[in-house]
Amino acid sequence: MLPASEDVNILFEESTFKRTYEGIDPKRDKLYHTCVNAGVALTVMKGYAAGVLLSDQSPFEKALSPVQCLHYCLTRPSVASVMVGVANPQQIFAATAYITASNKEKDYSEVLAGAPRSSFSGHCMYCGHCAPCSKKIDIASVNKYLDLALIQKEVPETLKNHYSLLEHYASECIECGLCMKNCPFNVDIINKMKQAAELFGK
């Protein structure tokens, strides 16, 4: 989630890279979460960042596949669609391969977790690597709802309803630590479950 800019290339210049990629732009983050609460769908533009993310010139210093880029976008809060530029049929096929891609092919976590110039450590990316939970808690969804709730003065009813529809709640966590061993982003999941249980009351 980056600051708005008309020139996508400025996001990847050395002079602006460090500042741009330190955390999430607060205004953009608030906009996305407001859209979730209001039920507004978002469309991501430049899903490949003008092709930069598909090359070794990526800010992660490793190329992502088109499927990985699309999956990252589509797993962000409120995102319903992604726009990408194509120049030939092969690029169309590369994008539509997302429909039949396996979870392994969609997985972007290794690239992001190993990014030398980005700080994702400690932040849940909702990638699902924490699964399986020994108590069958959908940890990625719990973390997503928790993150959405924490930026609000008061937890919206819609968010409470989403949480209540989960089959298992954060309060069921037995602190076995299996999820934390699996997490590539070093998220303190046990503490997150405690926060969620306290915030949502179950």
N, C-alpha and C. Protein backbone atom coordinates (compact mmCIF):
# COMPACT_ATOMS: atom_id res chain seq x y z
N MET A 1 0.86 -1.18 0.00
CA MET A 1 0.00 0.00 0.00
C MET A 1 0.90 1.23 0.00
N LEU A 2 0.95 1.89 -1.12
CA LEU A 2 1.90 2.97 -1.30
C LEU A 2 1.22 4.32 -1.44
N PRO A 3 2.00 5.42 -1.24
CA PRO A 3 1.44 6.75 -1.44
C PRO A 3 1.00 6.93 -2.89
N ALA A 4 -0.01 7.76 -3.11
CA ALA A 4 -0.48 8.01 -4.47
C ALA A 4 0.57 8.76 -5.26
N SER A 5 0.71 8.44 -6.54
CA SER A 5 1.65 9.13 -7.40
C SER A 5 1.23 8.91 -8.84
N GLU A 6 1.43 9.93 -9.68
CA GLU A 6 1.11 9.77 -11.10
C GLU A 6 2.23 9.04 -11.83
N ASP A 7 3.42 9.05 -11.25
CA ASP A 7 4.57 8.41 -11.88
C ASP A 7 4.99 7.20 -11.08
N VAL A 8 4.67 6.00 -11.56
CA VAL A 8 4.99 4.78 -10.83
C VAL A 8 6.49 4.57 -10.69
N ASN A 9 7.28 5.11 -11.64
CA ASN A 9 8.72 4.89 -11.61
C ASN A 9 9.40 5.52 -10.40
N ILE A 10 8.82 6.61 -9.90
CA ILE A 10 9.43 7.29 -8.75
C ILE A 10 9.44 6.41 -7.51
N LEU A 11 8.53 5.46 -7.46
CA LEU A 11 8.45 4.57 -6.30
C LEU A 11 9.66 3.65 -6.20
N PHE A 12 10.37 3.46 -7.31
CA PHE A 12 11.46 2.50 -7.34
C PHE A 12 12.84 3.14 -7.47
N GLU A 13 12.91 4.47 -7.46
CA GLU A 13 14.19 5.15 -7.52
C GLU A 13 14.88 5.07 -6.17
N GLU A 14 16.21 4.94 -6.19
CA GLU A 14 16.96 4.80 -4.95
C GLU A 14 16.74 5.98 -4.01
N SER A 15 16.60 7.18 -4.57
CA SER A 15 16.45 8.38 -3.74
C SER A 15 15.14 8.40 -2.96
N THR A 16 14.13 7.70 -3.46
CA THR A 16 12.82 7.72 -2.79
C THR A 16 12.41 6.36 -2.26
N PHE A 17 13.16 5.33 -2.64
CA PHE A 17 12.73 3.96 -2.30
C PHE A 17 12.58 3.75 -0.80
N LYS A 18 13.61 4.07 -0.04
CA LYS A 18 13.60 3.75 1.39
C LYS A 18 12.43 4.41 2.10
N ARG A 19 12.22 5.69 1.84
CA ARG A 19 11.12 6.39 2.49
C ARG A 19 9.78 5.82 2.07
N THR A 20 9.62 5.54 0.81
CA THR A 20 8.36 5.04 0.28
C THR A 20 7.98 3.68 0.85
N TYR A 21 8.98 2.82 1.05
CA TYR A 21 8.68 1.45 1.45
C TYR A 21 8.80 1.20 2.94
N GLU A 22 8.92 2.24 3.73
CA GLU A 22 8.95 2.05 5.18
C GLU A 22 7.52 2.02 5.69
N GLY A 23 6.97 0.82 5.81
CA GLY A 23 5.61 0.67 6.33
C GLY A 23 4.55 0.97 5.30
N ILE A 24 3.34 1.16 5.78
CA ILE A 24 2.19 1.40 4.93
C ILE A 24 1.79 2.86 5.01
N ASP A 25 1.52 3.46 3.86
CA ASP A 25 1.08 4.85 3.85
C ASP A 25 -0.22 4.96 4.64
N PRO A 26 -0.24 5.74 5.73
CA PRO A 26 -1.42 5.78 6.62
C PRO A 26 -2.71 6.21 5.92
N LYS A 27 -2.63 7.21 5.03
CA LYS A 27 -3.85 7.68 4.36
C LYS A 27 -4.41 6.61 3.44
N ARG A 28 -3.52 5.93 2.72
CA ARG A 28 -3.96 4.88 1.82
C ARG A 28 -4.54 3.71 2.61
N ASP A 29 -3.89 3.38 3.71
CA ASP A 29 -4.36 2.29 4.57
C ASP A 29 -5.76 2.59 5.10
N LYS A 30 -5.96 3.82 5.53
CA LYS A 30 -7.28 4.22 6.06
C LYS A 30 -8.35 4.13 4.97
N LEU A 31 -7.99 4.55 3.76
CA LEU A 31 -8.93 4.48 2.64
C LEU A 31 -9.37 3.04 2.39
N TYR A 32 -8.40 2.12 2.34
CA TYR A 32 -8.73 0.73 2.07
C TYR A 32 -9.65 0.15 3.13
N HIS A 33 -9.36 0.45 4.38
CA HIS A 33 -10.17 -0.10 5.46
C HIS A 33 -11.55 0.54 5.52
N THR A 34 -11.63 1.81 5.13
CA THR A 34 -12.94 2.46 5.04
C THR A 34 -13.79 1.77 3.97
N CYS A 35 -13.15 1.39 2.87
CA CYS A 35 -13.86 0.69 1.79
C CYS A 35 -14.37 -0.67 2.27
N VAL A 36 -13.58 -1.36 3.06
CA VAL A 36 -14.01 -2.66 3.60
C VAL A 36 -15.26 -2.47 4.44
N ASN A 37 -15.22 -1.50 5.34
CA ASN A 37 -16.34 -1.27 6.26
C ASN A 37 -17.60 -0.82 5.53
N ALA A 38 -17.42 -0.12 4.40
CA ALA A 38 -18.57 0.38 3.64
C ALA A 38 -19.01 -0.60 2.56
N GLY A 39 -18.29 -1.71 2.41
CA GLY A 39 -18.64 -2.68 1.38
C GLY A 39 -18.33 -2.21 -0.02
N VAL A 40 -17.31 -1.35 -0.16
CA VAL A 40 -16.93 -0.81 -1.46
C VAL A 40 -15.77 -1.64 -2.03
N ALA A 41 -15.93 -2.13 -3.25
CA ALA A 41 -14.88 -2.92 -3.89
C ALA A 41 -13.85 -2.02 -4.54
N LEU A 42 -12.60 -2.45 -4.51
CA LEU A 42 -11.51 -1.69 -5.11
C LEU A 42 -10.92 -2.44 -6.30
N THR A 43 -10.43 -1.67 -7.28
CA THR A 43 -9.69 -2.23 -8.40
C THR A 43 -8.26 -1.74 -8.32
N VAL A 44 -7.31 -2.66 -8.37
CA VAL A 44 -5.90 -2.30 -8.33
C VAL A 44 -5.43 -1.97 -9.74
N MET A 45 -4.76 -0.83 -9.89
CA MET A 45 -4.17 -0.44 -11.17
C MET A 45 -2.69 -0.78 -11.14
N LYS A 46 -2.13 -1.07 -12.30
CA LYS A 46 -0.70 -1.39 -12.42
C LYS A 46 -0.29 -2.50 -11.47
N GLY A 47 -0.96 -3.63 -11.60
CA GLY A 47 -0.69 -4.76 -10.73
C GLY A 47 0.72 -5.32 -10.82
N TYR A 48 1.42 -5.00 -11.92
CA TYR A 48 2.80 -5.44 -12.08
C TYR A 48 3.78 -4.28 -11.87
N ALA A 49 3.25 -3.11 -11.46
CA ALA A 49 4.08 -1.89 -11.30
C ALA A 49 4.85 -1.60 -12.58
N ALA A 50 4.11 -1.52 -13.68
CA ALA A 50 4.69 -1.24 -15.00
C ALA A 50 5.75 -2.27 -15.40
N GLY A 51 5.59 -3.50 -14.93
CA GLY A 51 6.50 -4.58 -15.29
C GLY A 51 7.70 -4.72 -14.37
N VAL A 52 7.90 -3.75 -13.49
CA VAL A 52 9.07 -3.77 -12.61
C VAL A 52 9.05 -4.98 -11.68
N LEU A 53 7.87 -5.34 -11.17
CA LEU A 53 7.77 -6.46 -10.24
C LEU A 53 8.06 -7.81 -10.89
N LEU A 54 8.03 -7.83 -12.22
CA LEU A 54 8.27 -9.08 -12.95
C LEU A 54 9.74 -9.26 -13.31
N SER A 55 10.59 -8.33 -12.87
CA SER A 55 12.01 -8.39 -13.20
C SER A 55 12.86 -8.38 -11.93
N ASP A 56 14.16 -8.61 -12.11
CA ASP A 56 15.08 -8.58 -10.98
C ASP A 56 15.31 -7.15 -10.48
N GLN A 57 14.76 -6.17 -11.20
CA GLN A 57 14.83 -4.78 -10.75
C GLN A 57 13.74 -4.47 -9.74
N SER A 58 12.96 -5.47 -9.40
CA SER A 58 11.91 -5.34 -8.40
C SER A 58 12.50 -4.83 -7.09
N PRO A 59 11.72 -4.06 -6.32
CA PRO A 59 12.22 -3.60 -5.01
C PRO A 59 12.52 -4.75 -4.06
N PHE A 60 12.03 -5.94 -4.39
CA PHE A 60 12.30 -7.11 -3.56
C PHE A 60 13.57 -7.84 -4.03
N GLU A 61 14.20 -7.28 -5.09
CA GLU A 61 15.44 -7.81 -5.67
C GLU A 61 15.27 -9.24 -6.17
N LYS A 62 14.04 -9.60 -6.46
CA LYS A 62 13.73 -10.90 -7.04
C LYS A 62 12.42 -10.76 -7.79
N ALA A 63 12.36 -11.32 -8.98
CA ALA A 63 11.15 -11.20 -9.79
C ALA A 63 9.99 -12.01 -9.21
N LEU A 64 8.81 -11.41 -9.25
CA LEU A 64 7.58 -12.13 -8.93
C LEU A 64 6.97 -12.61 -10.23
N SER A 65 6.18 -13.64 -10.19
CA SER A 65 5.46 -14.09 -11.38
C SER A 65 4.16 -13.28 -11.50
N PRO A 66 3.56 -13.23 -12.69
CA PRO A 66 2.27 -12.55 -12.82
C PRO A 66 1.23 -13.11 -11.84
N VAL A 67 1.22 -14.42 -11.67
CA VAL A 67 0.26 -15.05 -10.74
C VAL A 67 0.50 -14.59 -9.31
N GLN A 68 1.76 -14.48 -8.89
CA GLN A 68 2.07 -14.02 -7.54
C GLN A 68 1.63 -12.57 -7.34
N CYS A 69 1.88 -11.73 -8.33
CA CYS A 69 1.46 -10.32 -8.24
C CYS A 69 -0.05 -10.22 -8.10
N LEU A 70 -0.76 -10.96 -8.92
CA LEU A 70 -2.22 -10.92 -8.88
C LEU A 70 -2.75 -11.44 -7.55
N HIS A 71 -2.13 -12.49 -7.04
CA HIS A 71 -2.61 -13.06 -5.78
C HIS A 71 -2.38 -12.10 -4.62
N TYR A 72 -1.24 -11.42 -4.62
CA TYR A 72 -0.99 -10.44 -3.56
C TYR A 72 -2.06 -9.35 -3.60
N CYS A 73 -2.33 -8.84 -4.79
CA CYS A 73 -3.34 -7.78 -4.93
C CYS A 73 -4.71 -8.26 -4.47
N LEU A 74 -5.10 -9.44 -4.91
CA LEU A 74 -6.45 -9.94 -4.64
C LEU A 74 -6.66 -10.40 -3.20
N THR A 75 -5.58 -10.50 -2.43
CA THR A 75 -5.73 -10.86 -1.02
C THR A 75 -5.63 -9.64 -0.12
N ARG A 76 -5.58 -8.43 -0.70
CA ARG A 76 -5.60 -7.20 0.09
C ARG A 76 -7.05 -6.86 0.45
N PRO A 77 -7.24 -6.14 1.56
CA PRO A 77 -8.60 -5.78 1.98
C PRO A 77 -9.38 -5.03 0.90
N SER A 78 -10.58 -5.49 0.63
CA SER A 78 -11.55 -4.85 -0.26
C SER A 78 -11.24 -4.94 -1.75
N VAL A 79 -10.11 -5.51 -2.12
CA VAL A 79 -9.76 -5.59 -3.55
C VAL A 79 -10.58 -6.68 -4.23
N ALA A 80 -11.23 -6.30 -5.34
CA ALA A 80 -12.08 -7.23 -6.08
C ALA A 80 -11.54 -7.54 -7.47
N SER A 81 -10.69 -6.65 -8.00
CA SER A 81 -10.16 -6.87 -9.34
C SER A 81 -8.82 -6.17 -9.51
N VAL A 82 -8.08 -6.60 -10.54
CA VAL A 82 -6.75 -6.04 -10.80
C VAL A 82 -6.63 -5.73 -12.28
N MET A 83 -6.10 -4.55 -12.59
CA MET A 83 -5.86 -4.17 -13.98
C MET A 83 -4.37 -4.32 -14.27
N VAL A 84 -4.04 -5.00 -15.36
CA VAL A 84 -2.64 -5.14 -15.77
C VAL A 84 -2.51 -4.81 -17.25
N GLY A 85 -1.36 -4.32 -17.63
CA GLY A 85 -1.10 -4.02 -19.03
C GLY A 85 -0.52 -5.23 -19.73
N VAL A 86 -0.97 -5.48 -20.95
CA VAL A 86 -0.43 -6.60 -21.74
C VAL A 86 -0.08 -6.11 -23.14
N ALA A 87 0.94 -6.75 -23.73
CA ALA A 87 1.38 -6.35 -25.06
C ALA A 87 1.23 -7.47 -26.09
N ASN A 88 0.94 -8.69 -25.62
CA ASN A 88 0.82 -9.81 -26.55
C ASN A 88 -0.02 -10.92 -25.92
N PRO A 89 -0.43 -11.90 -26.72
CA PRO A 89 -1.27 -13.00 -26.18
C PRO A 89 -0.60 -13.77 -25.04
N GLN A 90 0.72 -13.93 -25.10
CA GLN A 90 1.42 -14.67 -24.05
C GLN A 90 1.23 -14.02 -22.68
N GLN A 91 1.22 -12.68 -22.66
CA GLN A 91 1.03 -11.97 -21.40
C GLN A 91 -0.41 -12.10 -20.90
N ILE A 92 -1.34 -12.22 -21.81
CA ILE A 92 -2.74 -12.47 -21.42
C ILE A 92 -2.85 -13.86 -20.79
N PHE A 93 -2.21 -14.84 -21.43
CA PHE A 93 -2.24 -16.21 -20.89
C PHE A 93 -1.56 -16.27 -19.52
N ALA A 94 -0.49 -15.49 -19.35
CA ALA A 94 0.23 -15.48 -18.07
C ALA A 94 -0.66 -14.94 -16.96
N ALA A 95 -1.50 -13.95 -17.29
CA ALA A 95 -2.40 -13.37 -16.29
C ALA A 95 -3.58 -14.30 -16.00
N THR A 96 -4.16 -14.86 -17.05
CA THR A 96 -5.33 -15.72 -16.85
C THR A 96 -4.96 -17.08 -16.25
N ALA A 97 -3.67 -17.37 -16.21
CA ALA A 97 -3.21 -18.60 -15.55
C ALA A 97 -3.54 -18.58 -14.07
N TYR A 98 -3.84 -17.40 -13.55
CA TYR A 98 -4.21 -17.28 -12.14
C TYR A 98 -5.43 -18.15 -11.80
N ILE A 99 -6.32 -18.27 -12.75
CA ILE A 99 -7.58 -18.99 -12.53
C ILE A 99 -7.34 -20.45 -12.14
N THR A 100 -6.34 -21.06 -12.75
CA THR A 100 -6.08 -22.48 -12.49
C THR A 100 -4.80 -22.71 -11.69
N ALA A 101 -4.17 -21.64 -11.22
CA ALA A 101 -2.90 -21.76 -10.49
C ALA A 101 -3.08 -22.47 -9.15
N SER A 102 -2.08 -23.22 -8.77
CA SER A 102 -2.09 -23.90 -7.47
C SER A 102 -1.72 -22.90 -6.37
N ASN A 103 -1.96 -23.28 -5.14
CA ASN A 103 -1.58 -22.42 -4.01
C ASN A 103 -0.08 -22.17 -4.00
N LYS A 104 0.69 -23.16 -4.38
CA LYS A 104 2.15 -23.01 -4.43
C LYS A 104 2.55 -21.97 -5.47
N GLU A 105 1.88 -21.99 -6.62
CA GLU A 105 2.19 -21.02 -7.68
C GLU A 105 1.78 -19.61 -7.28
N LYS A 106 0.74 -19.48 -6.48
CA LYS A 106 0.27 -18.17 -6.03
C LYS A 106 1.10 -17.59 -4.89
N ASP A 107 1.83 -18.44 -4.21
CA ASP A 107 2.54 -18.06 -2.99
C ASP A 107 3.61 -16.99 -3.25
N TYR A 108 3.46 -15.83 -2.63
CA TYR A 108 4.41 -14.73 -2.76
C TYR A 108 5.23 -14.53 -1.49
N SER A 109 4.95 -15.29 -0.46
CA SER A 109 5.53 -15.01 0.86
C SER A 109 7.05 -15.12 0.90
N GLU A 110 7.61 -16.08 0.17
CA GLU A 110 9.07 -16.27 0.20
C GLU A 110 9.79 -15.05 -0.35
N VAL A 111 9.24 -14.47 -1.42
CA VAL A 111 9.85 -13.30 -2.03
C VAL A 111 9.77 -12.10 -1.08
N LEU A 112 8.59 -11.88 -0.50
CA LEU A 112 8.42 -10.74 0.39
C LEU A 112 9.20 -10.90 1.68
N ALA A 113 9.20 -12.11 2.22
CA ALA A 113 9.90 -12.34 3.49
C ALA A 113 11.40 -12.17 3.34
N GLY A 114 11.92 -12.48 2.17
CA GLY A 114 13.36 -12.37 1.95
C GLY A 114 13.79 -11.05 1.37
N ALA A 115 12.87 -10.11 1.24
CA ALA A 115 13.18 -8.82 0.63
C ALA A 115 14.16 -8.03 1.51
N PRO A 116 15.36 -7.75 0.99
CA PRO A 116 16.37 -7.08 1.81
C PRO A 116 16.09 -5.61 2.07
N ARG A 117 15.25 -4.98 1.23
CA ARG A 117 15.04 -3.55 1.40
C ARG A 117 13.62 -3.22 1.82
N SER A 118 12.89 -4.19 2.28
CA SER A 118 11.51 -3.95 2.70
C SER A 118 11.32 -4.49 4.11
N SER A 119 10.42 -3.87 4.85
CA SER A 119 10.22 -4.29 6.24
C SER A 119 8.84 -4.89 6.41
N PHE A 120 8.74 -6.21 6.20
CA PHE A 120 7.48 -6.91 6.40
C PHE A 120 7.49 -7.73 7.68
N SER A 121 8.67 -7.83 8.30
CA SER A 121 8.80 -8.65 9.49
C SER A 121 7.88 -8.17 10.60
N GLY A 122 7.12 -9.12 11.15
CA GLY A 122 6.21 -8.79 12.24
C GLY A 122 4.83 -8.36 11.79
N HIS A 123 4.64 -8.22 10.48
CA HIS A 123 3.35 -7.78 9.95
C HIS A 123 2.69 -8.93 9.19
N CYS A 124 1.46 -9.25 9.55
CA CYS A 124 0.74 -10.33 8.87
C CYS A 124 0.41 -9.91 7.45
N MET A 125 0.75 -10.77 6.48
CA MET A 125 0.46 -10.51 5.08
C MET A 125 -0.72 -11.37 4.61
N TYR A 126 -1.38 -12.08 5.55
CA TYR A 126 -2.56 -12.90 5.27
C TYR A 126 -2.27 -13.98 4.22
N CYS A 127 -1.04 -14.48 4.22
CA CYS A 127 -0.64 -15.46 3.19
C CYS A 127 -1.12 -16.87 3.51
N GLY A 128 -1.45 -17.14 4.77
CA GLY A 128 -1.97 -18.45 5.14
C GLY A 128 -0.94 -19.51 5.47
N HIS A 129 0.34 -19.14 5.52
CA HIS A 129 1.37 -20.12 5.84
C HIS A 129 1.30 -20.59 7.29
N CYS A 130 0.59 -19.86 8.12
CA CYS A 130 0.43 -20.24 9.53
C CYS A 130 -0.41 -21.52 9.66
N ALA A 131 -1.21 -21.82 8.66
CA ALA A 131 -2.06 -23.02 8.68
C ALA A 131 -1.21 -24.28 8.50
N PRO A 132 -1.68 -25.41 8.99
CA PRO A 132 -2.96 -25.60 9.68
C PRO A 132 -2.86 -25.29 11.18
N CYS A 133 -3.91 -24.68 11.70
CA CYS A 133 -3.99 -24.41 13.13
C CYS A 133 -4.51 -25.67 13.83
N SER A 134 -3.92 -26.00 14.97
CA SER A 134 -4.33 -27.22 15.69
C SER A 134 -5.77 -27.13 16.19
N LYS A 135 -6.31 -25.90 16.29
CA LYS A 135 -7.70 -25.72 16.70
C LYS A 135 -8.58 -25.26 15.54
N LYS A 136 -8.02 -25.33 14.32
CA LYS A 136 -8.74 -25.00 13.08
C LYS A 136 -9.17 -23.54 12.99
N ILE A 137 -8.44 -22.65 13.66
CA ILE A 137 -8.72 -21.22 13.56
C ILE A 137 -8.20 -20.73 12.22
N ASP A 138 -8.98 -19.91 11.52
CA ASP A 138 -8.53 -19.28 10.28
C ASP A 138 -7.71 -18.05 10.70
N ILE A 139 -6.44 -18.28 10.97
CA ILE A 139 -5.57 -17.24 11.55
C ILE A 139 -5.44 -16.03 10.63
N ALA A 140 -5.30 -16.26 9.33
CA ALA A 140 -5.15 -15.14 8.40
C ALA A 140 -6.37 -14.23 8.44
N SER A 141 -7.57 -14.81 8.49
CA SER A 141 -8.79 -14.00 8.55
C SER A 141 -8.91 -13.28 9.88
N VAL A 142 -8.58 -13.97 10.97
CA VAL A 142 -8.63 -13.32 12.29
C VAL A 142 -7.69 -12.12 12.31
N ASN A 143 -6.48 -12.29 11.80
CA ASN A 143 -5.52 -11.18 11.77
C ASN A 143 -6.00 -10.04 10.89
N LYS A 144 -6.64 -10.39 9.78
CA LYS A 144 -7.15 -9.36 8.88
C LYS A 144 -8.23 -8.54 9.59
N TYR A 145 -9.17 -9.22 10.24
CA TYR A 145 -10.24 -8.51 10.95
C TYR A 145 -9.69 -7.71 12.12
N LEU A 146 -8.68 -8.25 12.79
CA LEU A 146 -8.06 -7.52 13.90
C LEU A 146 -7.40 -6.25 13.40
N ASP A 147 -6.64 -6.35 12.32
CA ASP A 147 -5.97 -5.18 11.76
C ASP A 147 -6.97 -4.12 11.34
N LEU A 148 -8.07 -4.56 10.74
CA LEU A 148 -9.12 -3.62 10.33
C LEU A 148 -9.75 -2.95 11.54
N ALA A 149 -9.94 -3.70 12.60
CA ALA A 149 -10.59 -3.17 13.81
C ALA A 149 -9.70 -2.19 14.56
N LEU A 150 -8.40 -2.46 14.56
CA LEU A 150 -7.49 -1.64 15.36
C LEU A 150 -7.34 -0.21 14.87
N ILE A 151 -7.69 0.03 13.61
CA ILE A 151 -7.57 1.41 13.11
C ILE A 151 -8.86 2.20 13.32
N GLN A 152 -9.87 1.57 13.92
CA GLN A 152 -11.15 2.22 14.16
C GLN A 152 -11.26 2.68 15.61
N LYS A 153 -11.98 3.76 15.82
CA LYS A 153 -12.26 4.20 17.19
C LYS A 153 -13.19 3.19 17.86
N GLU A 154 -14.10 2.67 17.06
CA GLU A 154 -15.05 1.66 17.54
C GLU A 154 -15.22 0.61 16.46
N VAL A 155 -15.23 -0.65 16.84
CA VAL A 155 -15.33 -1.73 15.86
C VAL A 155 -16.68 -1.69 15.16
N PRO A 156 -16.71 -1.54 13.83
CA PRO A 156 -17.98 -1.50 13.09
C PRO A 156 -18.76 -2.82 13.22
N GLU A 157 -20.06 -2.72 13.18
CA GLU A 157 -20.91 -3.91 13.28
C GLU A 157 -20.64 -4.89 12.14
N THR A 158 -20.36 -4.34 10.95
CA THR A 158 -20.09 -5.22 9.80
C THR A 158 -18.87 -6.09 10.06
N LEU A 159 -17.87 -5.51 10.70
CA LEU A 159 -16.65 -6.24 11.01
C LEU A 159 -16.91 -7.30 12.09
N LYS A 160 -17.71 -6.94 13.06
CA LYS A 160 -18.09 -7.91 14.10
C LYS A 160 -18.84 -9.08 13.48
N ASN A 161 -19.70 -8.76 12.52
CA ASN A 161 -20.47 -9.81 11.85
C ASN A 161 -19.57 -10.75 11.06
N HIS A 162 -18.59 -10.17 10.35
CA HIS A 162 -17.64 -10.99 9.60
C HIS A 162 -16.90 -11.94 10.54
N TYR A 163 -16.47 -11.40 11.66
CA TYR A 163 -15.73 -12.22 12.63
C TYR A 163 -16.62 -13.32 13.20
N SER A 164 -17.86 -12.98 13.48
CA SER A 164 -18.77 -13.96 14.09
C SER A 164 -19.10 -15.11 13.14
N LEU A 165 -18.91 -14.90 11.84
CA LEU A 165 -19.18 -15.95 10.86
C LEU A 165 -18.05 -16.98 10.75
N LEU A 166 -16.92 -16.70 11.39
CA LEU A 166 -15.82 -17.67 11.38
C LEU A 166 -16.24 -18.93 12.14
N GLU A 167 -15.76 -20.06 11.70
CA GLU A 167 -16.11 -21.33 12.36
C GLU A 167 -15.43 -21.48 13.71
N HIS A 168 -14.24 -20.88 13.84
CA HIS A 168 -13.49 -20.96 15.10
C HIS A 168 -12.94 -19.58 15.42
N TYR A 169 -12.89 -19.26 16.71
CA TYR A 169 -12.50 -17.92 17.15
C TYR A 169 -11.12 -17.90 17.80
N ALA A 170 -10.56 -16.70 17.89
CA ALA A 170 -9.22 -16.52 18.46
C ALA A 170 -9.13 -17.02 19.89
N SER A 171 -10.23 -16.95 20.62
CA SER A 171 -10.24 -17.40 22.02
C SER A 171 -9.98 -18.90 22.16
N GLU A 172 -10.10 -19.63 21.05
CA GLU A 172 -9.86 -21.08 21.08
C GLU A 172 -8.38 -21.43 20.99
N CYS A 173 -7.54 -20.43 20.78
CA CYS A 173 -6.10 -20.65 20.66
C CYS A 173 -5.54 -21.28 21.94
N ILE A 174 -4.74 -22.33 21.79
CA ILE A 174 -4.15 -23.01 22.95
C ILE A 174 -2.65 -22.71 23.07
N GLU A 175 -2.18 -21.75 22.24
CA GLU A 175 -0.78 -21.29 22.30
C GLU A 175 0.23 -22.42 22.07
N CYS A 176 -0.10 -23.31 21.14
CA CYS A 176 0.81 -24.43 20.85
C CYS A 176 2.05 -23.96 20.09
N GLY A 177 1.93 -22.83 19.37
CA GLY A 177 3.07 -22.25 18.67
C GLY A 177 3.35 -22.81 17.30
N LEU A 178 2.55 -23.77 16.84
CA LEU A 178 2.77 -24.37 15.52
C LEU A 178 2.70 -23.31 14.42
N CYS A 179 1.74 -22.42 14.53
CA CYS A 179 1.55 -21.37 13.52
C CYS A 179 2.77 -20.45 13.43
N MET A 180 3.36 -20.14 14.58
CA MET A 180 4.49 -19.22 14.60
C MET A 180 5.73 -19.83 13.98
N LYS A 181 5.86 -21.14 14.07
CA LYS A 181 6.97 -21.83 13.41
C LYS A 181 6.81 -21.76 11.89
N ASN A 182 5.57 -21.75 11.43
CA ASN A 182 5.29 -21.74 9.99
C ASN A 182 5.31 -20.36 9.37
N CYS A 183 5.16 -19.31 10.18
CA CYS A 183 5.03 -17.94 9.66
C CYS A 183 6.35 -17.41 9.11
N PRO A 184 6.40 -17.04 7.82
CA PRO A 184 7.64 -16.53 7.24
C PRO A 184 7.91 -15.07 7.59
N PHE A 185 6.94 -14.41 8.24
CA PHE A 185 7.08 -12.98 8.55
C PHE A 185 7.29 -12.71 10.05
N ASN A 186 7.53 -13.76 10.80
CA ASN A 186 7.82 -13.62 12.24
C ASN A 186 6.74 -12.85 13.00
N VAL A 187 5.49 -13.10 12.66
CA VAL A 187 4.37 -12.45 13.35
C VAL A 187 4.16 -13.12 14.71
N ASP A 188 3.92 -12.30 15.74
CA ASP A 188 3.61 -12.84 17.06
C ASP A 188 2.14 -13.25 17.07
N ILE A 189 1.86 -14.39 16.47
CA ILE A 189 0.48 -14.82 16.24
C ILE A 189 -0.26 -15.08 17.55
N ILE A 190 0.41 -15.67 18.51
CA ILE A 190 -0.26 -15.96 19.79
C ILE A 190 -0.76 -14.67 20.43
N ASN A 191 0.06 -13.64 20.41
CA ASN A 191 -0.36 -12.35 20.95
C ASN A 191 -1.50 -11.75 20.14
N LYS A 192 -1.44 -11.94 18.82
CA LYS A 192 -2.52 -11.45 17.95
C LYS A 192 -3.84 -12.13 18.29
N MET A 193 -3.79 -13.43 18.58
CA MET A 193 -5.01 -14.15 18.94
C MET A 193 -5.57 -13.62 20.26
N LYS A 194 -4.69 -13.31 21.20
CA LYS A 194 -5.13 -12.74 22.48
C LYS A 194 -5.80 -11.39 22.26
N GLN A 195 -5.20 -10.57 21.40
CA GLN A 195 -5.77 -9.25 21.09
C GLN A 195 -7.15 -9.40 20.46
N ALA A 196 -7.25 -10.31 19.50
CA ALA A 196 -8.52 -10.50 18.79
C ALA A 196 -9.60 -11.02 19.73
N ALA A 197 -9.24 -11.96 20.59
CA ALA A 197 -10.21 -12.52 21.54
C ALA A 197 -10.74 -11.44 22.48
N GLU A 198 -9.84 -10.57 22.91
CA GLU A 198 -10.25 -9.48 23.81
C GLU A 198 -11.11 -8.46 23.08
N LEU A 199 -10.71 -8.13 21.86
CA LEU A 199 -11.42 -7.11 21.09
C LEU A 199 -12.81 -7.57 20.65
N PHE A 200 -12.89 -8.80 20.15
CA PHE A 200 -14.16 -9.31 19.64
C PHE A 200 -14.97 -10.08 20.68
N GLY A 201 -14.37 -10.33 21.82
CA GLY A 201 -15.10 -10.98 22.91
C GLY A 201 -15.26 -12.48 22.79
N LYS A 202 -14.53 -13.09 21.84
CA LYS A 202 -14.57 -14.55 21.69
C LYS A 202 -13.45 -15.02 20.78
